[in-house]
Amino acid sequence: MADVTAVNAQITDAVTQTNVKVVAEAPAQAIASLYQVASHSAGLSMQNAVQSQQALNQISTAVVSKAAALIMAIGET
């Protein structure tokens, strides 16, 4: 027959406290992770907006330049 040994009460108490601590901190960790992901996605969307605005500024500069060249060429013909 197997020899039954009792587990020290301090060991079971330490394991129980560790489990309670992990379970108690889980919601806070989840919310912190959610906030981090949300702020990262907001930052990425702002970066995309800035890049899009810069691209449109480059295109508008080329369009204005070409329009000015066409207007100046009207009198040459």
Protein backbone atom coordinates (compact mmCIF):
# COMPACT_ATOMS: atom_id res chain seq x y z
CA MET A 1 0.00 0.00 0.00
CA ALA A 2 1.19 3.53 -0.76
CA ASP A 3 2.69 5.54 2.02
CA VAL A 4 0.46 8.61 2.63
CA THR A 5 2.31 11.74 3.66
CA ALA A 6 0.62 14.90 4.79
CA VAL A 7 1.43 18.13 2.97
CA ASN A 8 2.61 20.98 5.11
CA ALA A 9 -0.13 23.57 5.64
CA GLN A 10 2.28 26.40 4.79
CA ILE A 11 2.89 24.89 1.34
CA THR A 12 -0.80 24.55 0.55
CA ASP A 13 -1.39 28.08 1.81
CA ALA A 14 1.39 29.46 -0.41
CA VAL A 15 0.02 27.66 -3.49
CA THR A 16 -3.50 28.87 -2.73
CA GLN A 17 -2.37 32.48 -2.29
CA THR A 18 -0.43 32.34 -5.56
CA ASN A 19 -3.46 31.00 -7.42
CA VAL A 20 -5.71 33.68 -5.93
CA LYS A 21 -3.20 36.39 -6.87
CA VAL A 22 -3.02 35.19 -10.49
CA VAL A 23 -6.80 34.96 -10.81
CA ALA A 24 -7.29 38.38 -9.21
CA GLU A 25 -4.78 40.08 -11.52
CA ALA A 26 -6.12 38.56 -14.75
CA PRO A 27 -8.84 41.19 -15.45
CA ALA A 28 -6.41 44.06 -14.90
CA GLN A 29 -3.88 42.46 -17.24
CA ALA A 30 -6.57 41.93 -19.87
CA ILE A 31 -7.73 45.56 -19.71
CA ALA A 32 -4.15 46.82 -19.86
CA SER A 33 -3.53 44.70 -22.94
CA LEU A 34 -6.73 46.00 -24.52
CA TYR A 35 -5.72 49.63 -23.86
CA GLN A 36 -2.29 49.00 -25.33
CA VAL A 37 -3.70 47.45 -28.52
CA ALA A 38 -6.29 50.22 -28.89
CA SER A 39 -3.71 53.00 -28.52
CA HIS A 40 -1.39 51.25 -30.98
CA SER A 41 -4.14 50.98 -33.60
CA ALA A 42 -5.08 54.64 -33.08
CA GLY A 43 -1.44 55.61 -33.61
CA LEU A 44 -1.26 53.55 -36.79
CA SER A 45 -4.41 55.19 -38.16
CA MET A 46 -2.93 58.63 -37.48
CA GLN A 47 0.28 57.65 -39.24
CA ASN A 48 -1.75 56.46 -42.23
CA ALA A 49 -3.67 59.74 -42.30
CA VAL A 50 -0.46 61.78 -42.26
CA GLN A 51 1.08 59.67 -45.02
CA SER A 52 -2.06 60.04 -47.14
CA GLN A 53 -2.07 63.82 -46.63
CA GLN A 54 1.59 64.06 -47.63
CA ALA A 55 0.93 62.03 -50.78
CA LEU A 56 -1.99 64.30 -51.71
CA ASN A 57 0.19 67.38 -51.12
CA GLN A 58 2.78 66.02 -53.55
CA ILE A 59 0.10 65.34 -56.16
CA SER A 60 -1.45 68.78 -55.73
CA THR A 61 1.94 70.43 -56.20
CA ALA A 62 2.39 68.59 -59.48
CA VAL A 63 -1.13 69.49 -60.62
CA VAL A 64 -0.66 73.19 -59.83
CA SER A 65 2.68 73.20 -61.61
CA LYS A 66 1.20 71.61 -64.73
CA ALA A 67 -1.84 73.93 -64.67
CA ALA A 68 0.41 76.98 -64.40
CA ALA A 69 2.51 75.70 -67.32
CA LEU A 70 -0.64 75.19 -69.42
CA ILE A 71 -1.96 78.66 -68.58
CA MET A 72 1.37 80.26 -69.49
CA ALA A 73 1.44 78.31 -72.78
CA ILE A 74 -1.91 79.72 -73.93
CA GLY A 75 -0.41 82.92 -75.31
CA GLU A 76 2.44 81.18 -77.15
CA THR A 77 0.33 79.60 -79.89
